Amino acid sequence: MPTRRSATKPLGVPRLATPTEAPETRQIDEIDTALAPPWMTILHNCDCHTFEQVVQQLMKAIACTEEKGWELAWQVHNTGKAVVKVGPETECVRVGNILASIGLVVTVTQS
């Protein structure tokens, strides 16, 4: 036969003598997200292109001014290489492909 329980004593629900306070909340303003490390496109020196060719290709690849193209071309000439793009992998590969399309020597690598 089933056991009878008293109606004055609820089952499984504890009684609290005083009301509880809501837990403290706070607004999260920043979201921590893991970003992939940036990539870079490096243009290497070669003696098989004119400065004009390099500058024109840089202007196409990275949409820089002619002045910036000359600055990068001289850096490549004087130091052997220059970082011409830093960004997402797909963008750096795109830039590298444009530069390489005329035979320029490029490296795309994670920085």
N, C-alpha and C. Protein backbone atom coordinates (compact mmCIF):
# COMPACT_ATOMS: atom_id res chain seq x y z
N MET A 1 0.84 -1.17 0.00
CA MET A 1 0.00 0.00 0.00
C MET A 1 0.90 1.25 0.00
N PRO A 2 0.54 2.27 -0.79
CA PRO A 2 1.38 3.48 -0.86
C PRO A 2 1.37 4.24 0.45
N THR A 3 2.50 4.92 0.67
CA THR A 3 2.65 5.68 1.90
C THR A 3 1.99 7.04 1.72
N ARG A 4 1.29 7.48 2.73
CA ARG A 4 0.67 8.80 2.69
C ARG A 4 1.61 9.83 3.27
N ARG A 5 1.63 10.96 2.64
CA ARG A 5 2.48 12.05 3.13
C ARG A 5 1.61 13.21 3.56
N SER A 6 2.13 13.96 4.44
CA SER A 6 1.38 15.09 4.97
C SER A 6 1.32 16.19 3.91
N ALA A 7 0.21 16.84 3.75
CA ALA A 7 0.03 17.92 2.78
C ALA A 7 0.73 19.18 3.22
N THR A 8 1.11 19.28 4.47
CA THR A 8 1.76 20.49 4.95
C THR A 8 3.26 20.50 4.69
N LYS A 9 3.82 19.41 4.28
CA LYS A 9 5.25 19.32 4.06
C LYS A 9 5.51 18.97 2.59
N PRO A 10 5.83 19.97 1.73
CA PRO A 10 6.05 19.67 0.31
C PRO A 10 7.30 18.82 0.12
N LEU A 11 7.27 17.99 -0.88
CA LEU A 11 8.39 17.09 -1.17
C LEU A 11 9.40 17.77 -2.07
N GLY A 12 10.66 17.64 -1.75
CA GLY A 12 11.74 18.08 -2.62
C GLY A 12 11.89 19.58 -2.80
N VAL A 13 11.17 20.41 -2.12
CA VAL A 13 11.30 21.85 -2.27
C VAL A 13 11.67 22.44 -0.92
N PRO A 14 12.91 22.88 -0.77
CA PRO A 14 13.30 23.45 0.51
C PRO A 14 12.66 24.81 0.72
N ARG A 15 12.38 25.10 1.94
CA ARG A 15 11.81 26.40 2.28
C ARG A 15 12.93 27.35 2.69
N LEU A 16 12.87 28.57 2.18
CA LEU A 16 13.85 29.58 2.53
C LEU A 16 13.20 30.56 3.49
N ALA A 17 13.94 30.90 4.51
CA ALA A 17 13.39 31.81 5.50
C ALA A 17 13.32 33.23 4.97
N THR A 18 14.31 33.63 4.13
CA THR A 18 14.32 34.99 3.59
C THR A 18 14.47 34.91 2.07
N PRO A 19 13.99 35.92 1.38
CA PRO A 19 14.13 35.90 -0.08
C PRO A 19 15.61 36.00 -0.48
N THR A 20 15.93 35.40 -1.59
CA THR A 20 17.33 35.44 -2.06
C THR A 20 17.53 36.64 -2.97
N GLU A 21 18.76 37.12 -3.00
CA GLU A 21 19.11 38.23 -3.89
C GLU A 21 19.56 37.68 -5.23
N ALA A 22 19.28 38.44 -6.27
CA ALA A 22 19.71 38.05 -7.61
C ALA A 22 21.24 38.10 -7.66
N PRO A 23 21.87 37.19 -8.37
CA PRO A 23 23.33 37.24 -8.47
C PRO A 23 23.78 38.50 -9.19
N GLU A 24 24.95 38.95 -8.84
CA GLU A 24 25.50 40.15 -9.47
C GLU A 24 25.79 39.86 -10.94
N THR A 25 25.38 40.78 -11.79
CA THR A 25 25.65 40.63 -13.22
C THR A 25 26.45 41.82 -13.69
N ARG A 26 27.16 41.62 -14.80
CA ARG A 26 27.91 42.73 -15.36
C ARG A 26 27.91 42.61 -16.87
N GLN A 27 28.01 43.74 -17.51
CA GLN A 27 28.04 43.80 -18.97
C GLN A 27 29.43 43.42 -19.47
N ILE A 28 29.49 42.59 -20.48
CA ILE A 28 30.77 42.25 -21.10
C ILE A 28 30.90 43.12 -22.34
N ASP A 29 31.86 44.03 -22.30
CA ASP A 29 32.04 44.95 -23.41
C ASP A 29 32.94 44.40 -24.50
N GLU A 30 33.87 43.54 -24.15
CA GLU A 30 34.81 42.99 -25.11
C GLU A 30 34.60 41.50 -25.24
N ILE A 31 34.70 41.05 -26.43
CA ILE A 31 34.64 39.62 -26.66
C ILE A 31 36.04 39.17 -27.03
N ASP A 32 36.55 38.23 -26.27
CA ASP A 32 37.87 37.69 -26.57
C ASP A 32 37.73 36.68 -27.69
N THR A 33 38.36 36.98 -28.80
CA THR A 33 38.33 36.04 -29.91
C THR A 33 39.76 35.77 -30.34
N ALA A 34 39.98 34.57 -30.74
CA ALA A 34 41.31 34.19 -31.21
C ALA A 34 41.40 34.58 -32.68
N LEU A 35 42.39 35.38 -32.99
CA LEU A 35 42.61 35.79 -34.37
C LEU A 35 43.76 35.01 -34.95
N ALA A 36 43.61 34.65 -36.19
CA ALA A 36 44.71 33.96 -36.87
C ALA A 36 45.86 34.95 -37.04
N PRO A 37 47.07 34.49 -36.87
CA PRO A 37 48.21 35.38 -37.07
C PRO A 37 48.21 35.93 -38.49
N PRO A 38 48.64 37.17 -38.67
CA PRO A 38 48.65 37.73 -40.01
C PRO A 38 49.70 37.06 -40.91
N TRP A 39 49.46 37.16 -42.17
CA TRP A 39 50.38 36.65 -43.18
C TRP A 39 51.08 37.84 -43.82
N MET A 40 52.13 37.56 -44.57
CA MET A 40 52.80 38.65 -45.27
C MET A 40 53.30 38.18 -46.62
N THR A 41 53.31 39.13 -47.53
CA THR A 41 53.86 38.91 -48.87
C THR A 41 55.18 39.65 -48.94
N ILE A 42 56.22 38.93 -49.27
CA ILE A 42 57.57 39.51 -49.35
C ILE A 42 58.00 39.50 -50.81
N LEU A 43 58.43 40.64 -51.28
CA LEU A 43 58.97 40.77 -52.63
C LEU A 43 60.49 40.73 -52.54
N HIS A 44 61.10 39.83 -53.33
CA HIS A 44 62.56 39.66 -53.31
C HIS A 44 63.19 40.33 -54.52
N ASN A 45 64.43 40.71 -54.36
CA ASN A 45 65.17 41.37 -55.43
C ASN A 45 65.51 40.37 -56.54
N CYS A 46 65.43 40.84 -57.75
CA CYS A 46 65.93 40.10 -58.91
C CYS A 46 66.37 41.14 -59.94
N ASP A 47 67.30 40.79 -60.75
CA ASP A 47 67.82 41.74 -61.73
C ASP A 47 67.18 41.55 -63.10
N CYS A 48 66.03 40.94 -63.14
CA CYS A 48 65.41 40.64 -64.43
C CYS A 48 64.24 41.58 -64.78
N HIS A 49 63.96 42.56 -63.93
CA HIS A 49 62.87 43.51 -64.18
C HIS A 49 63.38 44.93 -63.98
N THR A 50 62.80 45.85 -64.72
CA THR A 50 63.14 47.26 -64.53
C THR A 50 62.40 47.78 -63.31
N PHE A 51 62.88 48.89 -62.80
CA PHE A 51 62.18 49.54 -61.69
C PHE A 51 60.75 49.87 -62.11
N GLU A 52 60.57 50.34 -63.32
CA GLU A 52 59.25 50.72 -63.81
C GLU A 52 58.29 49.53 -63.80
N GLN A 53 58.77 48.37 -64.21
CA GLN A 53 57.93 47.17 -64.20
C GLN A 53 57.51 46.80 -62.77
N VAL A 54 58.47 46.87 -61.86
CA VAL A 54 58.18 46.53 -60.47
C VAL A 54 57.17 47.51 -59.88
N VAL A 55 57.39 48.80 -60.13
CA VAL A 55 56.48 49.82 -59.59
C VAL A 55 55.07 49.63 -60.13
N GLN A 56 54.94 49.40 -61.44
CA GLN A 56 53.62 49.20 -62.05
C GLN A 56 52.91 47.98 -61.46
N GLN A 57 53.67 46.91 -61.25
CA GLN A 57 53.06 45.68 -60.71
C GLN A 57 52.67 45.88 -59.24
N LEU A 58 53.46 46.60 -58.50
CA LEU A 58 53.10 46.91 -57.10
C LEU A 58 51.83 47.74 -57.05
N MET A 59 51.70 48.69 -57.95
CA MET A 59 50.50 49.52 -57.98
C MET A 59 49.26 48.66 -58.26
N LYS A 60 49.39 47.67 -59.14
CA LYS A 60 48.28 46.75 -59.42
C LYS A 60 47.98 45.86 -58.23
N ALA A 61 49.04 45.32 -57.63
CA ALA A 61 48.88 44.30 -56.58
C ALA A 61 48.37 44.86 -55.26
N ILE A 62 48.91 45.99 -54.85
CA ILE A 62 48.55 46.50 -53.52
C ILE A 62 47.84 47.86 -53.57
N ALA A 63 47.52 48.30 -54.78
CA ALA A 63 46.79 49.57 -54.96
C ALA A 63 47.50 50.73 -54.27
N CYS A 64 48.82 50.77 -54.41
CA CYS A 64 49.58 51.86 -53.80
C CYS A 64 49.79 52.98 -54.82
N THR A 65 50.25 54.09 -54.32
CA THR A 65 50.59 55.20 -55.21
C THR A 65 51.89 54.87 -55.94
N GLU A 66 52.16 55.62 -56.99
CA GLU A 66 53.42 55.43 -57.70
C GLU A 66 54.60 55.73 -56.78
N GLU A 67 54.45 56.74 -55.96
CA GLU A 67 55.51 57.11 -55.02
C GLU A 67 55.82 55.96 -54.06
N LYS A 68 54.78 55.34 -53.51
CA LYS A 68 54.97 54.20 -52.59
C LYS A 68 55.58 53.02 -53.35
N GLY A 69 55.19 52.82 -54.59
CA GLY A 69 55.75 51.76 -55.41
C GLY A 69 57.25 51.94 -55.60
N TRP A 70 57.66 53.17 -55.87
CA TRP A 70 59.10 53.46 -56.02
C TRP A 70 59.84 53.24 -54.70
N GLU A 71 59.22 53.65 -53.60
CA GLU A 71 59.84 53.46 -52.28
C GLU A 71 60.08 51.97 -52.01
N LEU A 72 59.07 51.15 -52.29
CA LEU A 72 59.21 49.70 -52.07
C LEU A 72 60.22 49.09 -53.03
N ALA A 73 60.20 49.53 -54.28
CA ALA A 73 61.15 49.00 -55.27
C ALA A 73 62.59 49.30 -54.86
N TRP A 74 62.82 50.50 -54.36
CA TRP A 74 64.18 50.84 -53.91
C TRP A 74 64.57 50.04 -52.67
N GLN A 75 63.61 49.82 -51.78
CA GLN A 75 63.90 49.00 -50.60
C GLN A 75 64.29 47.58 -51.01
N VAL A 76 63.55 47.02 -51.96
CA VAL A 76 63.88 45.68 -52.45
C VAL A 76 65.27 45.68 -53.08
N HIS A 77 65.54 46.68 -53.88
CA HIS A 77 66.84 46.77 -54.56
C HIS A 77 67.99 46.90 -53.55
N ASN A 78 67.82 47.71 -52.53
CA ASN A 78 68.90 48.00 -51.58
C ASN A 78 69.06 46.95 -50.49
N THR A 79 67.97 46.32 -50.07
CA THR A 79 68.07 45.37 -48.95
C THR A 79 67.84 43.92 -49.37
N GLY A 80 67.41 43.71 -50.60
CA GLY A 80 67.20 42.36 -51.08
C GLY A 80 65.77 41.87 -50.98
N LYS A 81 64.95 42.56 -50.18
CA LYS A 81 63.54 42.17 -50.05
C LYS A 81 62.78 43.26 -49.31
N ALA A 82 61.44 43.18 -49.42
CA ALA A 82 60.58 44.10 -48.68
C ALA A 82 59.23 43.43 -48.46
N VAL A 83 58.67 43.65 -47.29
CA VAL A 83 57.31 43.19 -47.01
C VAL A 83 56.38 44.20 -47.69
N VAL A 84 55.58 43.70 -48.63
CA VAL A 84 54.70 44.60 -49.38
C VAL A 84 53.23 44.48 -48.96
N LYS A 85 52.90 43.44 -48.20
CA LYS A 85 51.53 43.26 -47.74
C LYS A 85 51.53 42.44 -46.46
N VAL A 86 50.74 42.87 -45.47
CA VAL A 86 50.50 42.11 -44.25
C VAL A 86 48.99 42.04 -44.09
N GLY A 87 48.46 40.82 -43.91
CA GLY A 87 47.03 40.68 -43.77
C GLY A 87 46.62 39.23 -43.75
N PRO A 88 45.35 38.98 -44.06
CA PRO A 88 44.85 37.60 -44.10
C PRO A 88 45.55 36.81 -45.20
N GLU A 89 45.60 35.51 -45.02
CA GLU A 89 46.30 34.65 -45.97
C GLU A 89 45.79 34.84 -47.39
N THR A 90 44.49 34.86 -47.56
CA THR A 90 43.93 34.96 -48.91
C THR A 90 44.35 36.24 -49.62
N GLU A 91 44.39 37.33 -48.90
CA GLU A 91 44.80 38.61 -49.49
C GLU A 91 46.28 38.61 -49.84
N CYS A 92 47.10 38.06 -48.97
CA CYS A 92 48.54 38.00 -49.24
C CYS A 92 48.85 37.09 -50.43
N VAL A 93 48.12 36.00 -50.54
CA VAL A 93 48.29 35.10 -51.69
C VAL A 93 47.88 35.81 -52.98
N ARG A 94 46.77 36.55 -52.91
CA ARG A 94 46.31 37.31 -54.08
C ARG A 94 47.37 38.28 -54.55
N VAL A 95 47.95 39.04 -53.62
CA VAL A 95 49.00 40.00 -53.94
C VAL A 95 50.22 39.28 -54.52
N GLY A 96 50.60 38.18 -53.90
CA GLY A 96 51.74 37.41 -54.38
C GLY A 96 51.54 36.91 -55.80
N ASN A 97 50.32 36.46 -56.11
CA ASN A 97 50.02 35.97 -57.46
C ASN A 97 50.11 37.08 -58.50
N ILE A 98 49.66 38.26 -58.16
CA ILE A 98 49.74 39.39 -59.09
C ILE A 98 51.20 39.74 -59.36
N LEU A 99 52.00 39.80 -58.30
CA LEU A 99 53.42 40.13 -58.47
C LEU A 99 54.14 39.03 -59.27
N ALA A 100 53.83 37.79 -58.97
CA ALA A 100 54.50 36.67 -59.64
C ALA A 100 54.06 36.51 -61.09
N SER A 101 52.93 37.10 -61.45
CA SER A 101 52.42 36.93 -62.81
C SER A 101 53.37 37.50 -63.88
N ILE A 102 54.27 38.40 -63.50
CA ILE A 102 55.27 38.90 -64.46
C ILE A 102 56.66 38.33 -64.14
N GLY A 103 56.71 37.37 -63.25
CA GLY A 103 57.98 36.72 -62.95
C GLY A 103 58.74 37.28 -61.76
N LEU A 104 58.10 38.17 -60.99
CA LEU A 104 58.76 38.67 -59.79
C LEU A 104 58.84 37.54 -58.76
N VAL A 105 59.86 37.59 -57.93
CA VAL A 105 60.08 36.55 -56.92
C VAL A 105 59.41 36.99 -55.62
N VAL A 106 58.46 36.18 -55.16
CA VAL A 106 57.71 36.52 -53.96
C VAL A 106 57.63 35.32 -53.02
N THR A 107 57.46 35.63 -51.75
CA THR A 107 57.21 34.62 -50.73
C THR A 107 55.99 35.07 -49.95
N VAL A 108 55.05 34.13 -49.72
CA VAL A 108 53.91 34.40 -48.84
C VAL A 108 54.07 33.47 -47.64
N THR A 109 54.12 34.08 -46.47
CA THR A 109 54.37 33.30 -45.25
C THR A 109 53.61 33.86 -44.07
N GLN A 110 53.40 33.04 -43.08
CA GLN A 110 52.76 33.50 -41.85
C GLN A 110 53.79 34.27 -41.03
N SER A 111 53.35 35.42 -40.52
CA SER A 111 54.32 36.23 -39.76
C SER A 111 54.33 35.89 -38.30
